[in-house]
Each structure stands twice: as C-alpha cells, then as structure tokens.
Amino acid sequence: MVGRNDPCPCGSGKKYKKCHGKEQSVSVNDLVNEELFKVRQLFFSENPNQEQLADFRELQQEWQPRLMKTMAENDAQAFVIENFLFMKKPELWQEHLDKQIELSQRPTTQDVLKNWSDVKVFVGQYVKGDESSAQFKDAFTGETYTMSDQPPTDMEDGQGLLAILLPDSRVGEEGALFLNGYLTIVGEFAPFFEQLKADMKKENATDGERYVRDNYLAVVESIVKYSTGTVDESIDLSPEHQSVMDELQKHVQEADFDAETVDNVTSIMNSYLASQQPSVQKPEALVGGYWRFLQDHELIKGPMLAPKQLSEKFGVASSTILKRSKEFGSYFDELLAKAK
C-alpha cells in the first residue's frame, strides 16, 4: 500500500498525497455522499410504515386535495409526507438514524449521521454559489449556511426558498445539505416574507422556525400560490396598491362580468401588485394598461375598446396604457413559462 508521503507510483516525482492520492480522497467523499443519499432514500421508501398509515391517511385526506389546486399530485403528496414524518412523527427519523449509524462502516458517514437529529426547517434566500458550493441566509435569524453536497445550480442570487436542512459536519458548524428537495419562492422575496411575519403576529408567534414547523403545509400552500400568481386575499396590499384594486373593482362592476371572470381578473392583478411591487403614480394608468392587456389576451368578453376609447375611459394617455399593458404581458408570459 502506498503511503500518503511516499513518491507517487505514476513517476511524477510528487508525493502520493499531492498527486494521484487526491483522486482517492475525492472518490472517498463521493462514496460518503452516496451513502448519505441512500440513508435518506431508504427512510422515505420505508415510511410511513404500516403502523403509521392510518394517521398519515388522515393528514393526506385533509391536505393533499388543497395542495393539488396549485401543484401536481406527486409534489403535493411529497410535502404531506415531509410534514408527517418530520413535524408529526420525528421519532421515526431518530429511530432510522440510530439504526443507520450502527450499520455504517465509514467514520465520516457516522460523524455526519450523528448530527442529523438536528433537522432545520429553513425559510430564507440563496446568497450565491456555483457547482462546488452555495450559501443560504436564514430570513429569521440572519445565519448563513454553506452547502457543498449537490448545491443547486439553477437558483438566482436573492431567490427565496423553503427547505428542510440537515447539518453537514464535513463543512463545519455552518455546513448544511438538503434533506430532500426545496421549494423556490418565485418573485420578490420581501413581500412574501413580510406577509409571513404578519401571519406570525396574528398568532402571537415569535419563533420563526417553530411557526413554519407548526404550519408547514399552510406555508407551502401560500408559497405556491404566491409564486404561481393564484394568490387573492392572502397578501396584504399597501394603501397605494389597494387604490389600484379599488379602481379596478369600479370598472369590473360596470362591465358586469360573470363570477369566474371577476375572480380571474382580480386575482391576476392582486398577484401582480404583491409580487412585482410596481410604483403607482396614478391608479387609472395601471388599470388602463391592465384592461388593454385583458382585451389583447381575450381574458374578458364584451366590447373591445380601441386605444382612443381606452384613453377616454381611464383618463390616461394611450402611450402610457400601452406601456403598462406590455408590463402585464411580460409578467403573464413569465407565469406561463414557470407553470410548464
């Protein structure tokens, strides 16, 4: 066996640890990553077990239909399972870890697993990263975590996310990795987080992570609604943005739309205001542009108004209405792209 300080057998003249020994250390780390992945995979394949099935079905029947209004069935079920196993029945995870620590042969794997009892429910933002590592900042505590085991490469700096994190002692005290996947918060993070804090205040909750644990599926539901633009009354609007909704409501009532059209028209505008936070100098300008957008995309029925008629209806220049209409078009196209 070649020692770490012996000459490398390849004849390079370098010490083994500085030459081909590096490849060995990388392969060992890959093996540890694979073992850790299998520990997580095995847990989900074995749970909920037969003994817990009745309790799980009760939670599933309550929440899965609600979540399926805004996400695919498999995704909805995955979040229900996460909630059940890590918020409702955390003892199952601990039992699994104890067993896997005993079975594991690698000291590094054992060291990592011993810390996995500390499961963290994380709401925060992606700070920066590349293919080798990434950093995430907790929105409640301001703590920054570093991930080197399969960091995401498809997130933008500042993007919000919900995730369940496990400690990664190989990186240090700030090391973390994903338990399973993560749920991105599409759009501006600040408005969503402000609403989350407002919801906490209503419940007199002061511990952010504890609140998200206790209301995990409701938080998941609110994130997906916010991200896909199906949000209606779940986001509190500022006074200037509420003035836009009031102006819109006035014209919607005059148009005498059916209930479904009213729902769609108000929901899209509400979501746009909450996620995009547009500046409002004149509510009529935003509503005029929105009305043209609705006409152009055939989202409303009735007489189609020409640019001049729209200008007269809302008391705004045609050019301003066109500019605002294009902004709504871009927003709508983004929503459609994300829904695919």
Protein backbone atom coordinates (compact mmCIF):
# COMPACT_ATOMS: atom_id res chain seq x y z
CA MET A 1 0.00 0.00 0.00
CA VAL A 2 1.33 3.42 -0.95
CA GLY A 3 1.69 5.87 1.98
CA ARG A 4 0.46 9.46 1.65
CA ASN A 5 4.04 10.80 1.85
CA ASP A 6 5.58 8.17 -0.45
CA PRO A 7 6.53 9.02 -4.06
CA CYS A 8 3.55 8.60 -6.37
CA PRO A 9 3.76 5.33 -8.38
CA CYS A 10 2.97 7.28 -11.58
CA GLY A 11 6.58 8.56 -11.62
CA SER A 12 5.73 12.25 -11.40
CA GLY A 13 8.19 12.76 -8.55
CA LYS A 14 5.45 14.25 -6.35
CA LYS A 15 4.26 12.81 -3.08
CA TYR A 16 1.29 10.48 -3.45
CA LYS A 17 -0.99 12.82 -1.42
CA LYS A 18 -0.14 15.68 -3.82
CA CYS A 19 -0.69 13.63 -6.95
CA HIS A 20 -2.95 10.63 -7.56
CA GLY A 21 -3.75 10.45 -3.86
CA LYS A 22 -6.04 13.43 -4.44
CA GLU A 23 -8.24 11.29 -6.67
CA GLN A 24 -8.54 8.77 -3.88
CA SER A 25 -9.72 11.41 -1.40
CA VAL A 26 -12.28 12.69 -3.92
CA SER A 27 -13.62 9.19 -4.53
CA VAL A 28 -13.97 8.59 -0.78
CA ASN A 29 -16.01 11.80 -0.48
CA ASP A 30 -18.18 10.65 -3.36
CA LEU A 31 -18.75 7.35 -1.57
CA VAL A 32 -19.78 9.18 1.61
CA ASN A 33 -22.19 11.36 -0.39
CA GLU A 34 -23.68 8.23 -1.92
CA GLU A 35 -24.08 6.59 1.49
CA LEU A 36 -25.76 9.69 2.93
CA PHE A 37 -28.13 9.84 -0.04
CA LYS A 38 -29.07 6.18 0.45
CA VAL A 39 -29.83 6.81 4.14
CA ARG A 40 -32.36 9.48 3.16
CA GLN A 41 -33.74 7.45 0.27
CA LEU A 42 -34.23 4.37 2.45
CA PHE A 43 -36.12 6.36 5.07
CA PHE A 44 -38.64 7.65 2.56
CA SER A 45 -39.04 4.20 0.99
CA GLU A 46 -39.87 2.61 4.37
CA ASN A 47 -42.07 5.35 5.82
CA PRO A 48 -44.86 5.98 6.61
CA ASN A 49 -44.88 2.36 7.77
CA GLN A 50 -47.95 0.18 8.18
CA GLU A 51 -48.33 1.13 11.83
CA GLN A 52 -48.47 4.84 10.98
CA LEU A 53 -50.57 4.54 7.84
CA ALA A 54 -53.95 5.45 9.38
CA ASP A 55 -52.61 8.69 10.87
CA PHE A 56 -50.88 9.55 7.60
CA ARG A 57 -54.06 8.95 5.57
CA GLU A 58 -55.95 11.36 7.82
CA LEU A 59 -53.41 14.12 7.19
CA GLN A 60 -53.28 13.26 3.50
CA GLN A 61 -57.06 13.47 3.08
CA GLU A 62 -57.10 16.88 4.73
CA TRP A 63 -54.19 18.48 2.88
CA GLN A 64 -53.46 16.77 -0.42
CA PRO A 65 -56.65 17.99 -2.20
CA ARG A 66 -55.89 21.55 -1.09
CA LEU A 67 -52.31 21.43 -2.33
CA MET A 68 -53.34 19.83 -5.62
CA LYS A 69 -55.21 23.03 -6.53
CA THR A 70 -51.83 24.64 -7.16
CA MET A 71 -49.37 21.79 -7.74
CA ALA A 72 -49.03 18.31 -9.23
CA GLU A 73 -50.29 15.32 -7.26
CA ASN A 74 -46.81 13.84 -6.69
CA ASP A 75 -45.48 17.14 -5.35
CA ALA A 76 -48.48 17.58 -3.08
CA GLN A 77 -48.02 14.09 -1.65
CA ALA A 78 -44.29 14.68 -1.11
CA PHE A 79 -44.98 17.74 1.07
CA VAL A 80 -47.63 15.88 3.07
CA ILE A 81 -45.14 13.06 3.68
CA GLU A 82 -42.44 15.54 4.79
CA ASN A 83 -44.85 17.18 7.21
CA PHE A 84 -45.98 13.86 8.63
CA LEU A 85 -42.52 12.35 9.08
CA PHE A 86 -40.56 15.34 10.35
CA MET A 87 -43.16 17.51 12.11
CA LYS A 88 -45.75 14.97 13.27
CA LYS A 89 -43.63 11.84 13.84
CA PRO A 90 -39.97 12.92 14.30
CA GLU A 91 -39.26 9.80 16.38
CA LEU A 92 -39.36 7.74 13.16
CA TRP A 93 -36.42 9.71 11.77
CA GLN A 94 -34.44 9.29 15.01
CA GLU A 95 -35.03 5.53 15.05
CA HIS A 96 -33.87 5.32 11.45
CA LEU A 97 -30.71 7.32 12.18
CA ASP A 98 -29.78 5.17 15.17
CA LYS A 99 -30.02 2.08 13.00
CA GLN A 100 -28.02 3.57 10.12
CA ILE A 101 -25.22 4.82 12.39
CA GLU A 102 -24.76 1.25 13.65
CA LEU A 103 -24.76 -0.17 10.13
CA SER A 104 -22.40 2.39 8.65
CA GLN A 105 -18.74 1.35 8.27
CA ARG A 106 -17.20 4.72 7.40
CA PRO A 107 -16.29 7.04 10.32
CA THR A 108 -17.02 10.14 8.19
CA THR A 109 -20.51 8.89 7.39
CA GLN A 110 -21.12 8.09 11.06
CA ASP A 111 -19.96 11.56 12.13
CA VAL A 112 -22.36 13.23 9.71
CA LEU A 113 -25.29 10.99 10.68
CA LYS A 114 -24.81 11.68 14.40
CA ASN A 115 -25.71 15.33 13.74
CA TRP A 116 -28.72 14.59 11.57
CA SER A 117 -31.10 14.59 14.53
CA ASP A 118 -30.95 18.39 14.26
CA VAL A 119 -33.43 18.85 11.42
CA LYS A 120 -33.92 22.52 10.49
CA VAL A 121 -36.91 23.94 8.65
CA PHE A 122 -35.46 26.80 6.64
CA VAL A 123 -37.04 29.87 5.08
CA GLY A 124 -34.55 32.27 3.54
CA GLN A 125 -32.63 33.25 0.46
CA TYR A 126 -29.98 31.86 -1.83
CA VAL A 127 -27.00 34.22 -1.46
CA LYS A 128 -24.55 32.98 -4.07
CA GLY A 129 -22.96 29.78 -5.33
CA ASP A 130 -21.51 27.67 -8.09
CA GLU A 131 -21.22 23.97 -8.89
CA SER A 132 -18.99 23.30 -5.86
CA SER A 133 -20.75 25.21 -3.06
CA ALA A 134 -23.60 27.58 -2.25
CA GLN A 135 -24.62 29.87 0.58
CA PHE A 136 -28.08 30.40 2.05
CA LYS A 137 -29.20 33.05 4.55
CA ASP A 138 -31.92 32.35 7.12
CA ALA A 139 -34.54 35.12 6.87
CA PHE A 140 -35.47 34.87 10.55
CA THR A 141 -32.06 34.61 12.22
CA GLY A 142 -29.68 36.02 9.61
CA GLU A 143 -27.47 32.92 9.90
CA THR A 144 -25.64 31.84 6.74
CA TYR A 145 -25.30 28.16 5.78
CA THR A 146 -22.82 26.66 3.34
CA MET A 147 -23.67 23.68 1.14
CA SER A 148 -21.09 21.63 -0.76
CA ASP A 149 -23.07 18.41 -1.28
CA GLN A 150 -25.01 18.86 -4.54
CA PRO A 151 -25.66 22.61 -4.26
CA PRO A 152 -28.38 23.91 -6.61
CA THR A 153 -27.13 25.48 -9.83
CA ASP A 154 -30.47 26.80 -11.10
CA MET A 155 -31.18 29.48 -8.48
CA GLU A 156 -30.69 33.22 -8.80
CA ASP A 157 -28.95 35.34 -6.18
CA GLY A 158 -31.50 36.56 -3.66
CA GLN A 159 -34.14 33.97 -4.58
CA GLY A 160 -36.26 32.76 -1.67
CA LEU A 161 -36.84 29.14 -0.78
CA LEU A 162 -38.33 26.76 1.75
CA ALA A 163 -36.26 23.69 2.58
CA ILE A 164 -35.55 21.11 5.26
CA LEU A 165 -31.83 21.22 6.06
CA LEU A 166 -29.57 18.69 7.74
CA PRO A 167 -26.20 19.61 9.30
CA ASP A 168 -23.10 18.70 7.28
CA SER A 169 -20.20 18.45 9.74
CA ARG A 170 -17.72 17.99 6.87
CA VAL A 171 -18.17 21.67 6.01
CA GLY A 172 -18.09 22.93 9.60
CA GLU A 173 -20.62 24.39 12.02
CA GLU A 174 -22.34 26.30 9.21
CA GLY A 175 -22.45 23.26 6.90
CA ALA A 176 -25.84 22.07 5.64
CA LEU A 177 -27.43 19.91 2.95
CA PHE A 178 -30.95 19.33 1.70
CA LEU A 179 -32.95 16.55 3.29
CA ASN A 180 -34.97 16.10 0.12
CA GLY A 181 -35.65 18.95 -2.29
CA TYR A 182 -36.55 22.60 -1.93
CA LEU A 183 -39.45 24.87 -2.85
CA THR A 184 -38.50 28.14 -4.54
CA ILE A 185 -40.38 31.37 -3.86
CA VAL A 186 -40.87 32.95 -7.28
CA GLY A 187 -40.93 36.75 -7.42
CA GLU A 188 -39.71 39.28 -4.87
CA PHE A 189 -38.93 37.61 -1.55
CA ALA A 190 -39.53 40.67 0.68
CA PRO A 191 -43.34 40.96 0.17
CA PHE A 192 -43.81 37.26 0.82
CA PHE A 193 -41.69 37.35 3.96
CA GLU A 194 -43.49 40.43 5.28
CA GLN A 195 -46.80 38.60 4.92
CA LEU A 196 -45.35 35.54 6.67
CA LYS A 197 -44.30 37.73 9.60
CA ALA A 198 -47.76 39.32 9.63
CA ASP A 199 -49.31 35.84 9.85
CA MET A 200 -46.99 35.05 12.76
CA LYS A 201 -48.01 38.23 14.54
CA LYS A 202 -51.68 37.24 14.32
CA GLU A 203 -50.79 34.01 16.13
CA ASN A 204 -48.55 35.83 18.65
CA ALA A 205 -45.66 33.67 17.37
CA THR A 206 -42.09 34.90 17.88
CA ASP A 207 -40.05 31.86 16.82
CA GLY A 208 -39.96 31.81 13.01
CA GLU A 209 -38.78 28.25 12.53
CA ARG A 210 -41.24 26.92 15.10
CA TYR A 211 -44.09 28.74 13.35
CA VAL A 212 -43.14 27.25 9.96
CA ARG A 213 -42.88 23.77 11.51
CA ASP A 214 -46.30 24.09 13.12
CA ASN A 215 -47.87 25.48 9.93
CA TYR A 216 -45.70 23.72 7.36
CA LEU A 217 -48.37 22.74 4.83
CA ALA A 218 -50.11 26.11 5.07
CA VAL A 219 -46.76 27.83 4.38
CA VAL A 220 -46.15 25.52 1.41
CA GLU A 221 -49.61 26.37 0.09
CA SER A 222 -49.03 30.12 0.45
CA ILE A 223 -45.63 29.90 -1.31
CA VAL A 224 -47.07 28.09 -4.32
CA LYS A 225 -50.00 30.49 -4.58
CA TYR A 226 -47.67 33.46 -4.33
CA SER A 227 -45.24 32.01 -6.88
CA THR A 228 -47.81 30.98 -9.47
CA GLY A 229 -49.92 34.10 -9.29
CA THR A 230 -53.04 32.41 -7.90
CA VAL A 231 -52.95 34.41 -4.69
CA ASP A 232 -56.01 36.51 -3.90
CA GLU A 233 -56.67 37.54 -0.31
CA SER A 234 -53.58 36.03 1.29
CA ILE A 235 -51.34 39.07 0.65
CA ASP A 236 -51.97 42.39 2.38
CA LEU A 237 -51.55 45.28 -0.05
CA SER A 238 -50.08 48.70 0.66
CA PRO A 239 -52.50 51.68 0.51
CA GLU A 240 -51.24 52.72 -2.95
CA HIS A 241 -51.69 49.21 -4.33
CA GLN A 242 -55.10 48.89 -2.68
CA SER A 243 -56.11 52.05 -4.54
CA VAL A 244 -55.37 50.19 -7.79
CA MET A 245 -57.60 47.30 -6.71
CA ASP A 246 -60.37 49.77 -5.80
CA GLU A 247 -60.10 51.42 -9.22
CA LEU A 248 -60.18 48.02 -10.93
CA GLN A 249 -63.21 46.95 -8.91
CA LYS A 250 -65.11 50.00 -10.09
CA HIS A 251 -64.62 49.11 -13.76
CA VAL A 252 -65.26 45.40 -13.16
CA GLN A 253 -68.65 46.21 -11.64
CA GLU A 254 -69.54 48.43 -14.61
CA ALA A 255 -68.62 45.62 -17.03
CA ASP A 256 -70.98 43.11 -15.37
CA PHE A 257 -68.62 40.12 -15.75
CA ASP A 258 -69.58 36.64 -14.59
CA ALA A 259 -68.22 35.43 -11.23
CA GLU A 260 -65.38 33.35 -12.73
CA THR A 261 -64.12 36.26 -14.85
CA VAL A 262 -64.24 38.61 -11.85
CA ASP A 263 -62.24 36.06 -9.85
CA ASN A 264 -59.57 35.69 -12.55
CA VAL A 265 -59.29 39.41 -13.28
CA THR A 266 -58.90 40.43 -9.63
CA SER A 267 -56.60 37.51 -8.76
CA ILE A 268 -54.08 38.27 -11.52
CA MET A 269 -53.94 41.95 -10.60
CA ASN A 270 -53.62 41.20 -6.88
CA SER A 271 -50.77 38.78 -7.53
CA TYR A 272 -49.04 41.24 -9.83
CA LEU A 273 -49.17 44.01 -7.23
CA ALA A 274 -48.00 41.74 -4.41
CA SER A 275 -45.10 40.09 -6.25
CA GLN A 276 -43.89 42.90 -8.55
CA GLN A 277 -44.47 45.88 -6.24
CA PRO A 278 -44.94 48.40 -9.10
CA SER A 279 -44.77 52.13 -8.42
CA VAL A 280 -48.19 53.80 -8.61
CA GLN A 281 -48.43 57.45 -9.56
CA LYS A 282 -51.95 57.17 -10.92
CA PRO A 283 -54.12 54.05 -10.30
CA GLU A 284 -56.04 54.71 -13.53
CA ALA A 285 -52.85 54.25 -15.57
CA LEU A 286 -52.17 50.79 -14.14
CA VAL A 287 -55.79 49.70 -14.50
CA GLY A 288 -55.98 51.11 -18.04
CA GLY A 289 -52.90 49.15 -19.08
CA TYR A 290 -54.28 46.05 -17.39
CA TRP A 291 -57.60 46.43 -19.22
CA ARG A 292 -55.83 46.58 -22.57
CA PHE A 293 -53.79 43.51 -21.60
CA LEU A 294 -57.00 41.64 -20.72
CA GLN A 295 -58.54 42.60 -24.07
CA ASP A 296 -55.43 41.67 -26.08
CA HIS A 297 -55.26 38.25 -24.42
CA GLU A 298 -59.05 37.71 -24.70
CA LEU A 299 -59.35 37.24 -20.95
CA ILE A 300 -62.53 39.30 -20.84
CA LYS A 301 -65.64 39.37 -23.00
CA GLY A 302 -67.64 42.36 -24.17
CA PRO A 303 -66.94 45.31 -26.47
CA MET A 304 -63.24 45.63 -27.30
CA LEU A 305 -62.23 49.25 -26.84
CA ALA A 306 -59.85 50.94 -29.27
CA PRO A 307 -56.76 52.74 -27.86
CA LYS A 308 -58.53 56.10 -28.05
CA GLN A 309 -61.60 54.74 -26.24
CA LEU A 310 -59.39 53.24 -23.50
CA SER A 311 -57.66 56.60 -23.12
CA GLU A 312 -61.01 58.33 -22.68
CA LYS A 313 -62.35 55.65 -20.32
CA PHE A 314 -59.41 55.85 -17.91
CA GLY A 315 -58.30 59.44 -18.50
CA VAL A 316 -54.77 58.35 -19.37
CA ALA A 317 -52.63 58.80 -22.49
CA SER A 318 -52.70 55.90 -24.98
CA SER A 319 -48.91 55.59 -24.84
CA THR A 320 -49.00 55.13 -21.05
CA ILE A 321 -51.71 52.49 -21.33
CA LEU A 322 -49.68 50.63 -23.97
CA LYS A 323 -46.53 50.73 -21.81
CA ARG A 324 -48.37 49.34 -18.78
CA SER A 325 -50.07 46.72 -20.95
CA LYS A 326 -46.68 45.42 -22.10
CA GLU A 327 -45.55 45.14 -18.48
CA PHE A 328 -48.54 42.94 -17.71
CA GLY A 329 -47.83 40.89 -20.84
CA SER A 330 -44.26 40.19 -19.70
CA TYR A 331 -45.48 39.20 -16.23
CA PHE A 332 -48.12 36.88 -17.66
CA ASP A 333 -45.59 35.23 -20.02
CA GLU A 334 -43.29 34.55 -17.05
CA LEU A 335 -46.12 32.89 -15.15
CA LEU A 336 -46.95 30.66 -18.12
CA ALA A 337 -43.30 29.67 -18.53
CA LYS A 338 -43.00 28.75 -14.85
CA ALA A 339 -46.19 26.69 -15.00
CA LYS A 340 -44.81 24.42 -17.75
